[in-house]
């Protein structure tokens, strides 16, 4: 059994796996830093929404109505 060849991971596979992990970490850090900016934007939007006046409910204007179409009768 000692003479069996040992399996080695290809250097390219190891390199690509490391690159994927580094990319994932970079995106995670980027997203983590963006949460502060997003929270600040939500707070600003909430303050701006409180400053808006209450508007009355919109209603449709009174418009002329078309009469019902005649119902065709079989002959």
Protein backbone atom coordinates (compact mmCIF):
# COMPACT_ATOMS: atom_id res chain seq x y z
CA UNK A 1 0.00 0.00 0.00
CA UNK A 2 2.92 2.34 0.48
CA UNK A 3 3.65 2.21 -3.23
CA UNK A 4 0.24 3.65 -4.19
CA UNK A 5 0.56 7.08 -5.85
CA UNK A 6 -0.59 9.95 -3.66
CA UNK A 7 -3.31 12.17 -5.09
CA UNK A 8 -2.27 15.79 -5.40
CA UNK A 9 -4.53 18.71 -6.08
CA UNK A 10 -3.62 20.49 -9.25
CA UNK A 11 -1.93 23.84 -8.58
CA UNK A 12 -4.38 25.55 -10.95
CA UNK A 13 -7.36 24.19 -9.04
CA UNK A 14 -5.87 25.38 -5.76
CA UNK A 15 -5.12 28.80 -7.25
CA UNK A 16 -8.65 29.18 -8.61
CA UNK A 17 -10.19 28.08 -5.30
CA UNK A 18 -8.10 30.67 -3.47
CA UNK A 19 -9.09 33.36 -5.96
CA UNK A 20 -12.78 32.52 -5.48
CA UNK A 21 -12.41 32.68 -1.69
CA UNK A 22 -10.63 36.04 -1.91
CA UNK A 23 -13.32 37.40 -4.22
CA UNK A 24 -16.03 36.24 -1.83
CA UNK A 25 -14.24 37.90 1.10
CA UNK A 26 -13.84 41.12 -0.86
CA UNK A 27 -17.52 41.19 -1.77
CA UNK A 28 -18.49 40.45 1.83
CA UNK A 29 -16.36 43.33 3.11
CA UNK A 30 -17.74 45.64 0.42
CA UNK A 31 -21.32 44.72 1.38
CA UNK A 32 -20.54 45.15 5.08
CA UNK A 33 -19.26 48.68 4.46
CA UNK A 34 -22.34 49.51 2.38
CA UNK A 35 -24.72 48.72 5.24
CA UNK A 36 -23.77 51.93 7.07
CA UNK A 37 -24.50 54.04 3.98
CA UNK A 38 -27.80 52.24 3.42
CA UNK A 39 -28.86 52.74 7.03
CA UNK A 40 -27.99 56.43 6.79
CA UNK A 41 -30.10 56.73 3.64
CA UNK A 42 -33.05 55.05 5.34
CA UNK A 43 -32.83 57.46 8.28
CA UNK A 44 -32.74 60.47 5.94
CA UNK A 45 -35.71 59.14 3.95
CA UNK A 46 -37.70 58.53 7.15
CA UNK A 47 -37.09 62.10 8.33
CA UNK A 48 -38.09 63.46 4.92
CA UNK A 49 -41.27 61.37 4.92
CA UNK A 50 -42.27 62.75 8.33
CA UNK A 51 -41.94 66.30 7.01
CA UNK A 52 -44.46 65.72 4.20
CA UNK A 53 -47.96 67.09 4.78
CA UNK A 54 -50.93 64.74 4.92
CA UNK A 55 -52.73 64.81 1.60
CA UNK A 56 -56.41 63.98 1.15
CA UNK A 57 -57.34 60.70 -0.49
CA UNK A 58 -57.48 61.07 -4.27
CA UNK A 59 -60.94 60.74 -5.83
CA UNK A 60 -61.92 60.19 -9.41
CA UNK A 61 -63.62 63.21 -10.98
CA UNK A 62 -67.29 63.00 -11.90
CA UNK A 63 -67.31 62.11 -15.55
CA UNK A 64 -70.13 61.47 -18.00
CA UNK A 65 -71.12 57.84 -18.09
CA UNK A 66 -71.80 55.92 -21.26
CA UNK A 67 -75.17 54.21 -21.37
CA UNK A 68 -75.24 50.44 -21.30
CA UNK A 69 -75.00 48.89 -24.74
CA UNK A 70 -78.16 47.22 -26.07
CA UNK A 71 -78.30 43.48 -25.63
CA UNK A 72 -78.62 41.74 -29.02
CA UNK A 73 -81.58 39.40 -29.28
CA UNK A 74 -81.64 36.37 -31.56
CA UNK A 75 -84.14 36.55 -34.46
